[in-house]
Amino acid sequence: MISFRIGILAACLSVVACIDRSPGAFELGDLEMLSPPLGEGSLWPKLSTYGDKVVLSWQERDAANSWSVKTAILDESGWAPARTVAHTTEETEFFVNWADFASVDFLDSDVLVAHWLLRGPDGGYDYGVRVARSTNEGRTWTEPWTPHTDETRTEHGFVSKFALENGGIGLVWLDGRNSVDHGREKGIPGAMGLQYRSLDAEGVPGVEVLIDERVCDCCQTDAAVSASGPVVVYRDRSPEEVRDTYITRLVDGRWTEGTPVHRDGWVIPACPVNGPAVAAREDEIVVAWFTGAGDEPKAQVAFSSDGGVHFGDPIRVDEGRALGRVDVLWLENGSALVMWLERRPRTGEVLVRQVWPDGRMGGEALVTTTSAGRDSGFPRMIQDGMGRLVFVWTQTGSVRKVRVARTREAVR
């Protein structure tokens, strides 16, 4: 298969290329660098879209070492001013982490939902989730709400948000309430769980629900809404330390028992900090994930045509040195576009590749070069209302800063 990576300049912001012309393939063309209203010290970006609007969120540190969660909306008229969602005060301290970070999502045409993380009194990994909504494009926000009620001084994070019927919001998160041995009666700590709670359109919360009582401690979750209902993907953890990617579905108001997207059999007695990604189109589901099973790192995708009940065999997309940090979305031509980070001798590359459910693949395309370390964070992508692809990542080097680029034409 021919690679079309072309002309990478020494400066690490060069952007890219095209995908090969397999049947139904497309060209990305040169990417347009965008200029969102970012301050110095912007990190850990996230993208979301609804209709003709794109919302970018990030965290930002000022000269006084104070942290803020910020967001800005992009439409055809350009960028709106940056809005502050939350910031540290004398009474509150953010939990700041490269893998578990705040985000803002469009969950309806006029509803933004934000979450961020606050440290508890014990410091370290004692932290909790705060959630707020805005109905005026981020100008004002509701009072912060905490979805977990356990009050344990443990980890609560790695949140995914999704829309429910009738304007409600669904949230899932990793919850550490059972990860400590309360009183040491048994002498063996419990495990991190996957927890769920809803918030209706009037702001009334539902009950907390434990989806899975034993999951990987610090891998991101992801969610999508299919025609049959919401689905959530996460990294499971068996008693034998098998940590494969699982899926659960909300069916008739109840979450199904998690099942493996594929049985990789990756045994690892530690968290790889490398969660899966999911996208839905009607009842077609695509999941992208990283595995190191057999000491062979891979970035893979698998497709389902029945809302996530069954999946086909995994399709490997990387070039042999995958670092994971995947993302995925559907394209209009019936293919999925998967993004991942690949290790190179002196750097890392953010790559994308087009994959069809029948196993066909286009050649890889370079989005940008970046660090192979944690400082590069988790690159992300979405498709805007005009059909253009929008990419976001953290620039590395002497100055770290969020960067945003977009295809000049619609990608179908």
Protein backbone atom coordinates (compact mmCIF):
# COMPACT_ATOMS: atom_id res chain seq x y z
CA MET A 1 0.00 0.00 0.00
CA ILE A 2 1.42 3.37 -1.00
CA SER A 3 2.01 6.07 1.58
CA PHE A 4 1.38 9.65 0.54
CA ARG A 5 3.18 11.45 3.38
CA ILE A 6 4.84 14.42 1.74
CA GLY A 7 7.27 17.17 2.52
CA ILE A 8 7.49 17.42 6.31
CA LEU A 9 9.33 20.62 7.18
CA ALA A 10 11.70 20.72 10.11
CA ALA A 11 9.26 22.94 11.98
CA CYS A 12 6.86 20.62 13.77
CA LEU A 13 3.73 22.39 12.59
CA SER A 14 3.75 21.22 9.00
CA VAL A 15 0.39 19.84 7.90
CA VAL A 16 -0.49 17.58 5.25
CA ALA A 17 -1.38 15.47 2.54
CA CYS A 18 -3.78 13.05 0.98
CA ILE A 19 -5.17 9.56 1.20
CA ASP A 20 -4.73 7.12 -1.64
CA ARG A 21 -7.35 6.62 -4.29
CA SER A 22 -8.83 3.32 -3.27
CA PRO A 23 -12.44 3.04 -4.46
CA GLY A 24 -14.41 5.74 -2.67
CA ALA A 25 -11.31 7.33 -1.16
CA PHE A 26 -10.88 11.08 -0.89
CA GLU A 27 -8.20 13.76 -0.64
CA LEU A 28 -7.73 15.94 2.40
CA GLY A 29 -5.70 18.63 0.64
CA ASP A 30 -3.68 21.24 2.54
CA LEU A 31 -5.01 22.08 5.97
CA GLU A 32 -5.90 25.62 6.96
CA MET A 33 -4.45 26.70 10.30
CA LEU A 34 -7.09 28.43 12.43
CA SER A 35 -6.55 31.07 15.11
CA PRO A 36 -8.89 30.52 18.06
CA PRO A 37 -8.84 33.08 20.92
CA LEU A 38 -6.31 31.20 23.03
CA GLY A 39 -4.17 32.63 25.77
CA GLU A 40 -0.66 31.53 26.63
CA GLY A 41 -0.43 28.18 28.33
CA SER A 42 -3.40 26.56 26.57
CA LEU A 43 -3.46 22.77 26.87
CA TRP A 44 -5.60 19.63 26.48
CA PRO A 45 -8.14 20.56 23.81
CA LYS A 46 -11.48 18.96 22.96
CA LEU A 47 -13.86 19.52 20.01
CA SER A 48 -17.60 19.16 19.68
CA THR A 49 -20.10 20.23 17.04
CA TYR A 50 -23.78 20.84 16.49
CA GLY A 51 -25.26 22.13 13.23
CA ASP A 52 -22.99 24.81 11.79
CA LYS A 53 -21.12 25.47 15.06
CA VAL A 54 -17.95 23.98 16.49
CA VAL A 55 -17.02 24.38 20.14
CA LEU A 56 -13.40 24.18 21.25
CA SER A 57 -12.55 23.75 24.92
CA TRP A 58 -9.21 23.76 26.68
CA GLN A 59 -7.47 24.46 29.99
CA GLU A 60 -5.28 27.50 30.41
CA ARG A 61 -2.75 28.60 33.02
CA ASP A 62 -2.02 32.29 33.60
CA ALA A 63 1.10 34.06 34.86
CA ALA A 64 -0.05 33.64 38.46
CA ASN A 65 -0.22 29.85 37.95
CA SER A 66 -4.01 29.91 38.17
CA TRP A 67 -5.97 27.49 35.97
CA SER A 68 -9.14 28.11 33.95
CA VAL A 69 -11.44 26.00 31.79
CA LYS A 70 -12.25 27.96 28.64
CA THR A 71 -14.31 27.53 25.51
CA ALA A 72 -14.91 29.32 22.21
CA ILE A 73 -17.42 28.75 19.43
CA LEU A 74 -16.54 28.79 15.73
CA ASP A 75 -19.13 29.37 12.98
CA GLU A 76 -19.00 30.70 9.44
CA SER A 77 -18.50 34.25 10.74
CA GLY A 78 -15.40 33.23 12.69
CA TRP A 79 -14.51 32.73 16.34
CA ALA A 80 -16.64 34.12 19.15
CA PRO A 81 -14.73 35.48 22.16
CA ALA A 82 -13.32 32.95 24.58
CA ARG A 83 -15.56 32.28 27.58
CA THR A 84 -14.40 31.14 31.01
CA VAL A 85 -16.35 28.17 32.34
CA ALA A 86 -14.55 27.79 35.67
CA HIS A 87 -11.33 28.88 37.33
CA THR A 88 -9.35 28.15 40.46
CA THR A 89 -9.96 30.21 43.57
CA GLU A 90 -8.59 30.35 47.09
CA GLU A 91 -11.13 27.68 48.02
CA THR A 92 -10.88 25.44 44.97
CA GLU A 93 -7.97 23.76 43.23
CA PHE A 94 -8.21 22.01 39.88
CA PHE A 95 -7.00 18.49 39.38
CA VAL A 96 -4.65 19.03 36.44
CA ASN A 97 -3.68 16.00 34.39
CA TRP A 98 -2.59 15.35 30.80
CA ALA A 99 -4.99 12.40 30.33
CA ASP A 100 -8.02 13.34 32.46
CA PHE A 101 -9.07 16.87 31.59
CA ALA A 102 -12.03 19.22 31.36
CA SER A 103 -14.20 19.53 28.26
CA VAL A 104 -17.25 21.34 26.85
CA ASP A 105 -19.71 19.62 24.50
CA PHE A 106 -22.69 20.61 22.40
CA LEU A 107 -25.46 18.22 23.43
CA ASP A 108 -28.28 20.21 21.78
CA SER A 109 -28.60 23.18 19.45
CA ASP A 110 -28.46 25.67 22.31
CA VAL A 111 -27.09 23.64 25.23
CA LEU A 112 -23.43 23.45 26.17
CA VAL A 113 -22.43 21.01 28.90
CA ALA A 114 -19.07 21.37 30.65
CA HIS A 115 -17.25 19.26 33.16
CA TRP A 116 -14.05 19.84 35.09
CA LEU A 117 -12.17 18.26 38.00
CA LEU A 118 -11.54 19.62 41.50
CA ARG A 119 -9.06 18.31 44.04
CA GLY A 120 -10.29 17.01 47.37
CA PRO A 121 -8.71 17.72 50.75
CA ASP A 122 -6.32 14.76 50.55
CA GLY A 123 -4.70 15.98 47.33
CA GLY A 124 -3.10 13.47 44.98
CA TYR A 125 -5.77 11.35 43.32
CA ASP A 126 -8.54 12.60 45.60
CA TYR A 127 -10.60 14.53 43.07
CA GLY A 128 -14.15 14.86 41.84
CA VAL A 129 -16.28 15.93 38.88
CA ARG A 130 -18.20 19.19 38.51
CA VAL A 131 -20.80 19.71 35.76
CA ALA A 132 -22.47 22.89 34.49
CA ARG A 133 -24.72 23.87 31.57
CA SER A 134 -25.06 26.99 29.47
CA THR A 135 -27.93 28.00 27.18
CA ASN A 136 -26.36 31.23 25.91
CA GLU A 137 -23.20 29.98 24.18
CA GLY A 138 -21.08 30.02 27.31
CA ARG A 139 -21.76 33.54 28.55
CA THR A 140 -23.20 32.23 31.81
CA TRP A 141 -23.27 28.82 33.44
CA THR A 142 -25.45 27.03 35.98
CA GLU A 143 -24.15 26.36 39.46
CA PRO A 144 -21.72 23.40 39.38
CA TRP A 145 -23.25 20.02 40.14
CA THR A 146 -21.46 16.89 41.40
CA PRO A 147 -22.83 13.68 39.86
CA HIS A 148 -21.27 11.30 42.43
CA THR A 149 -22.66 11.22 45.97
CA ASP A 150 -20.28 8.82 47.74
CA GLU A 151 -18.06 11.51 49.32
CA THR A 152 -15.07 9.15 49.36
CA ARG A 153 -11.70 10.83 48.96
CA THR A 154 -10.90 8.91 45.81
CA GLU A 155 -10.62 9.38 42.07
CA HIS A 156 -13.69 10.42 40.03
CA GLY A 157 -12.94 11.35 36.44
CA PHE A 158 -12.52 10.35 32.79
CA VAL A 159 -16.01 11.63 32.01
CA SER A 160 -18.03 11.11 28.84
CA LYS A 161 -21.21 13.09 28.16
CA PHE A 162 -24.04 12.35 25.73
CA ALA A 163 -27.54 13.54 24.89
CA LEU A 164 -30.62 11.73 26.14
CA GLU A 165 -34.16 11.97 24.81
CA ASN A 166 -36.26 14.98 25.86
CA GLY A 167 -33.23 17.20 26.40
CA GLY A 168 -31.57 15.19 29.15
CA ILE A 169 -27.87 14.57 29.68
CA GLY A 170 -26.12 11.28 30.37
CA LEU A 171 -22.75 11.09 32.11
CA VAL A 172 -20.40 8.19 32.71
CA TRP A 173 -17.19 8.35 34.68
CA LEU A 174 -14.55 6.21 36.36
CA ASP A 175 -15.35 6.05 40.06
CA GLY A 176 -12.94 5.05 42.82
CA ARG A 177 -15.35 4.75 45.75
CA ASN A 178 -14.65 1.01 46.02
CA SER A 179 -10.97 1.22 45.11
CA VAL A 180 -9.91 1.65 48.74
CA ASP A 181 -10.35 -0.72 51.62
CA HIS A 182 -12.70 1.05 54.02
CA GLY A 183 -11.75 -0.18 57.46
CA ARG A 184 -9.54 -2.98 56.07
CA GLU A 185 -11.94 -5.69 57.19
CA LYS A 186 -11.01 -7.81 54.18
CA GLY A 187 -7.50 -6.49 53.66
CA ILE A 188 -7.87 -6.38 49.84
CA PRO A 189 -8.77 -3.13 48.10
CA GLY A 190 -11.59 -3.10 45.59
CA ALA A 191 -11.39 -1.74 42.04
CA MET A 192 -12.28 1.26 39.96
CA GLY A 193 -15.89 1.16 38.71
CA LEU A 194 -17.76 2.65 35.76
CA GLN A 195 -20.62 4.81 37.04
CA TYR A 196 -23.60 6.51 35.30
CA ARG A 197 -26.03 9.27 36.17
CA SER A 198 -28.53 11.30 34.17
CA LEU A 199 -29.72 14.89 34.41
CA ASP A 200 -33.06 15.78 32.85
CA ALA A 201 -33.88 18.95 30.89
CA GLU A 202 -35.04 20.69 34.08
CA GLY A 203 -31.82 19.82 35.89
CA VAL A 204 -33.28 17.03 38.03
CA PRO A 205 -30.74 14.21 38.53
CA GLY A 206 -31.50 10.53 38.26
CA VAL A 207 -30.12 7.82 40.49
CA GLU A 208 -26.51 6.68 40.30
CA VAL A 209 -26.00 3.40 38.48
CA LEU A 210 -22.95 1.13 38.60
CA ILE A 211 -22.36 -0.15 35.06
CA ASP A 212 -19.21 -2.22 35.66
CA GLU A 213 -17.62 -2.87 39.04
CA ARG A 214 -14.08 -3.49 37.80
CA VAL A 215 -12.54 -1.40 35.01
CA CYS A 216 -9.12 -0.05 34.10
CA ASP A 217 -8.09 2.71 36.47
CA CYS A 218 -7.18 5.60 34.17
CA CYS A 219 -8.18 4.95 30.54
CA GLN A 220 -10.58 7.37 28.90
CA THR A 221 -14.19 6.44 28.28
CA ASP A 222 -16.17 7.48 25.20
CA ALA A 223 -19.86 7.55 24.26
CA ALA A 224 -22.06 7.85 21.18
CA VAL A 225 -25.80 7.74 20.51
CA SER A 226 -27.02 5.16 17.99
CA ALA A 227 -30.54 4.76 16.61
CA SER A 228 -31.08 2.13 19.32
CA GLY A 229 -29.75 4.31 22.13
CA PRO A 230 -26.50 5.39 23.82
CA VAL A 231 -23.40 3.21 23.83
CA VAL A 232 -20.29 3.60 26.00
CA VAL A 233 -16.85 2.13 25.39
CA TYR A 234 -14.17 1.70 28.03
CA ARG A 235 -11.20 -0.45 29.00
CA ASP A 236 -12.22 -3.35 31.21
CA ARG A 237 -10.04 -5.05 33.83
CA SER A 238 -10.46 -8.71 34.69
CA PRO A 239 -9.17 -10.32 37.91
CA GLU A 240 -6.39 -11.79 35.75
CA GLU A 241 -5.43 -8.25 34.58
CA VAL A 242 -6.77 -8.66 31.05
CA ARG A 243 -7.50 -5.10 29.91
CA ASP A 244 -9.47 -5.23 26.66
CA THR A 245 -11.92 -2.72 25.20
CA TYR A 246 -15.55 -3.27 26.18
CA ILE A 247 -18.90 -1.81 25.15
CA THR A 248 -22.16 -1.36 27.06
CA ARG A 249 -25.55 -0.23 25.69
CA LEU A 250 -28.46 1.58 27.31
CA VAL A 251 -31.48 -0.61 26.45
CA ASP A 252 -34.95 0.06 27.88
CA GLY A 253 -33.46 2.22 30.60
CA ARG A 254 -30.85 -0.32 31.72
CA TRP A 255 -27.19 -0.72 30.89
CA THR A 256 -26.24 -4.07 29.42
CA GLU A 257 -23.38 -6.08 30.88
CA GLY A 258 -20.15 -4.98 29.23
CA THR A 259 -18.88 -7.19 26.42
CA PRO A 260 -15.55 -7.13 24.57
CA VAL A 261 -15.40 -5.40 21.22
CA HIS A 262 -12.72 -8.01 20.54
CA ARG A 263 -10.86 -10.40 22.83
CA ASP A 264 -7.31 -9.17 22.38
CA GLY A 265 -6.24 -10.80 25.63
CA TRP A 266 -3.95 -7.94 26.63
CA VAL A 267 -2.59 -8.81 30.07
CA ILE A 268 -1.00 -5.79 31.71
CA PRO A 269 -0.78 -5.24 35.49
CA ALA A 270 -1.00 -1.46 35.12
CA CYS A 271 -3.14 1.12 33.38
CA PRO A 272 -1.91 2.02 29.86
CA VAL A 273 -3.72 5.41 29.95
CA ASN A 274 -5.08 4.79 26.46
CA GLY A 275 -8.85 4.65 26.13
CA PRO A 276 -11.04 3.76 23.12
CA ALA A 277 -13.15 5.98 20.85
CA VAL A 278 -16.59 5.33 19.35
CA ALA A 279 -18.81 6.85 16.67
CA ALA A 280 -22.38 5.99 15.68
CA ARG A 281 -24.42 6.45 12.50
CA GLU A 282 -27.94 5.07 12.85
CA ASP A 283 -27.22 1.54 14.13
CA GLU A 284 -23.74 1.35 12.62
CA ILE A 285 -21.04 1.58 15.28
CA VAL A 286 -17.30 1.92 14.83
CA VAL A 287 -14.85 1.58 17.72
CA ALA A 288 -11.14 2.42 17.62
CA TRP A 289 -8.74 1.28 20.32
CA PHE A 290 -5.14 0.56 21.25
CA THR A 291 -3.84 -2.79 22.43
CA GLY A 292 -0.43 -4.13 23.38
CA ALA A 293 -1.41 -7.79 23.39
CA GLY A 294 1.49 -10.11 22.61
CA ASP A 295 3.92 -7.22 23.15
CA GLU A 296 2.83 -5.84 19.78
CA PRO A 297 1.33 -2.34 20.02
CA LYS A 298 -1.59 -1.87 17.61
CA ALA A 299 -4.22 0.70 16.72
CA GLN A 300 -7.35 -1.12 15.57
CA VAL A 301 -10.95 -0.52 14.50
CA ALA A 302 -13.99 -2.79 14.40
CA PHE A 303 -17.46 -2.27 12.97
CA SER A 304 -20.95 -3.24 14.11
CA SER A 305 -24.13 -3.06 12.04
CA ASP A 306 -26.54 -3.87 14.89
CA GLY A 307 -25.97 -1.07 17.37
CA GLY A 308 -22.95 -2.62 19.06
CA VAL A 309 -24.35 -6.07 19.83
CA HIS A 310 -21.87 -7.82 17.52
CA PHE A 311 -18.62 -6.66 15.93
CA GLY A 312 -16.59 -7.86 13.01
CA ASP A 313 -12.93 -8.77 13.22
CA PRO A 314 -10.52 -5.97 14.14
CA ILE A 315 -8.76 -4.10 11.35
CA ARG A 316 -5.25 -2.88 12.13
CA VAL A 317 -4.53 0.67 10.94
CA ASP A 318 -1.10 1.58 12.33
CA GLU A 319 2.33 1.21 10.71
CA GLY A 320 3.97 -0.92 13.38
CA ARG A 321 4.84 1.55 16.14
CA ALA A 322 1.45 2.68 17.41
CA LEU A 323 1.18 4.76 20.57
CA GLY A 324 -2.62 4.79 20.44
CA ARG A 325 -4.53 7.89 21.66
CA VAL A 326 -7.16 7.13 19.05
CA ASP A 327 -10.17 8.98 17.70
CA VAL A 328 -12.74 7.97 15.06
CA LEU A 329 -15.66 9.41 13.07
CA TRP A 330 -17.98 8.36 10.24
CA LEU A 331 -17.75 9.86 6.75
CA GLU A 332 -20.61 10.27 4.33
CA ASN A 333 -19.23 7.72 1.86
CA GLY A 334 -19.71 4.88 4.38
CA SER A 335 -16.14 4.73 5.63
CA ALA A 336 -14.72 5.68 9.01
CA LEU A 337 -11.76 7.96 9.56
CA VAL A 338 -9.52 6.81 12.39
CA MET A 339 -6.77 8.91 13.99
CA TRP A 340 -3.88 7.69 16.13
CA LEU A 341 -0.37 8.59 17.27
CA GLU A 342 2.57 6.74 15.74
CA ARG A 343 6.09 6.69 17.19
CA ARG A 344 8.98 7.78 14.98
CA PRO A 345 12.75 7.71 15.75
CA ARG A 346 12.86 11.25 17.18
CA THR A 347 9.23 12.34 17.35
CA GLY A 348 5.62 11.27 17.02
CA GLU A 349 3.15 11.65 14.17
CA VAL A 350 -0.59 12.18 14.29
CA LEU A 351 -1.96 10.07 11.44
CA VAL A 352 -5.39 9.40 9.95
CA ARG A 353 -6.57 6.59 7.72
CA GLN A 354 -9.86 5.85 5.99
CA VAL A 355 -11.30 2.38 6.72
CA TRP A 356 -14.41 0.66 5.35
CA PRO A 357 -16.47 -1.98 7.20
CA ASP A 358 -15.46 -4.54 4.55
CA GLY A 359 -11.79 -4.11 5.48
CA ARG A 360 -10.61 -1.80 2.71
CA MET A 361 -8.20 0.92 3.81
CA GLY A 362 -6.76 4.06 2.29
CA GLY A 363 -3.17 5.11 2.81
CA GLU A 364 -2.25 6.98 5.97
CA ALA A 365 -2.17 10.79 6.03
CA LEU A 366 -0.07 12.97 8.30
CA VAL A 367 -1.91 15.62 10.28
CA THR A 368 1.09 16.94 12.22
CA THR A 369 4.31 15.96 13.91
CA THR A 370 4.40 16.15 17.69
CA SER A 371 6.07 14.67 20.74
CA ALA A 372 5.72 10.96 21.42
CA GLY A 373 5.56 11.76 25.14
CA ARG A 374 2.73 12.73 27.43
CA ASP A 375 3.17 16.44 26.69
CA SER A 376 1.44 16.03 23.32
CA GLY A 377 -1.78 14.92 25.00
CA PHE A 378 -4.66 13.46 23.01
CA PRO A 379 -5.23 14.85 19.49
CA ARG A 380 -8.89 15.00 18.44
CA MET A 381 -11.01 15.58 15.32
CA ILE A 382 -14.60 16.31 14.30
CA GLN A 383 -16.49 17.15 11.11
CA ASP A 384 -18.22 20.53 11.03
CA GLY A 385 -21.61 21.41 9.58
CA MET A 386 -20.07 22.18 6.19
CA GLY A 387 -18.43 18.76 6.02
CA ARG A 388 -14.90 19.98 6.71
CA LEU A 389 -12.63 18.06 9.06
CA VAL A 390 -11.31 19.96 12.07
CA PHE A 391 -8.23 18.70 13.91
CA VAL A 392 -6.88 19.85 17.27
CA TRP A 393 -3.71 18.95 19.16
CA THR A 394 -1.17 20.34 21.63
CA GLN A 395 1.92 21.87 20.09
CA THR A 396 5.03 20.66 21.90
CA GLY A 397 8.49 22.11 22.30
CA SER A 398 9.70 25.15 24.24
CA VAL A 399 6.13 26.50 24.21
CA ARG A 400 3.11 24.23 24.50
CA LYS A 401 -0.08 25.57 22.96
CA VAL A 402 -3.30 24.28 21.44
CA ARG A 403 -3.34 24.24 17.63
CA VAL A 404 -6.39 23.91 15.37
CA ALA A 405 -6.47 23.09 11.65
CA ARG A 406 -9.28 22.47 9.16
CA THR A 407 -9.65 21.07 5.65
CA ARG A 408 -10.43 23.80 3.14
CA GLU A 409 -13.10 21.74 1.44
CA ALA A 410 -15.85 19.42 2.59
CA VAL A 411 -14.80 15.80 2.98
CA ARG A 412 -17.55 13.38 1.97
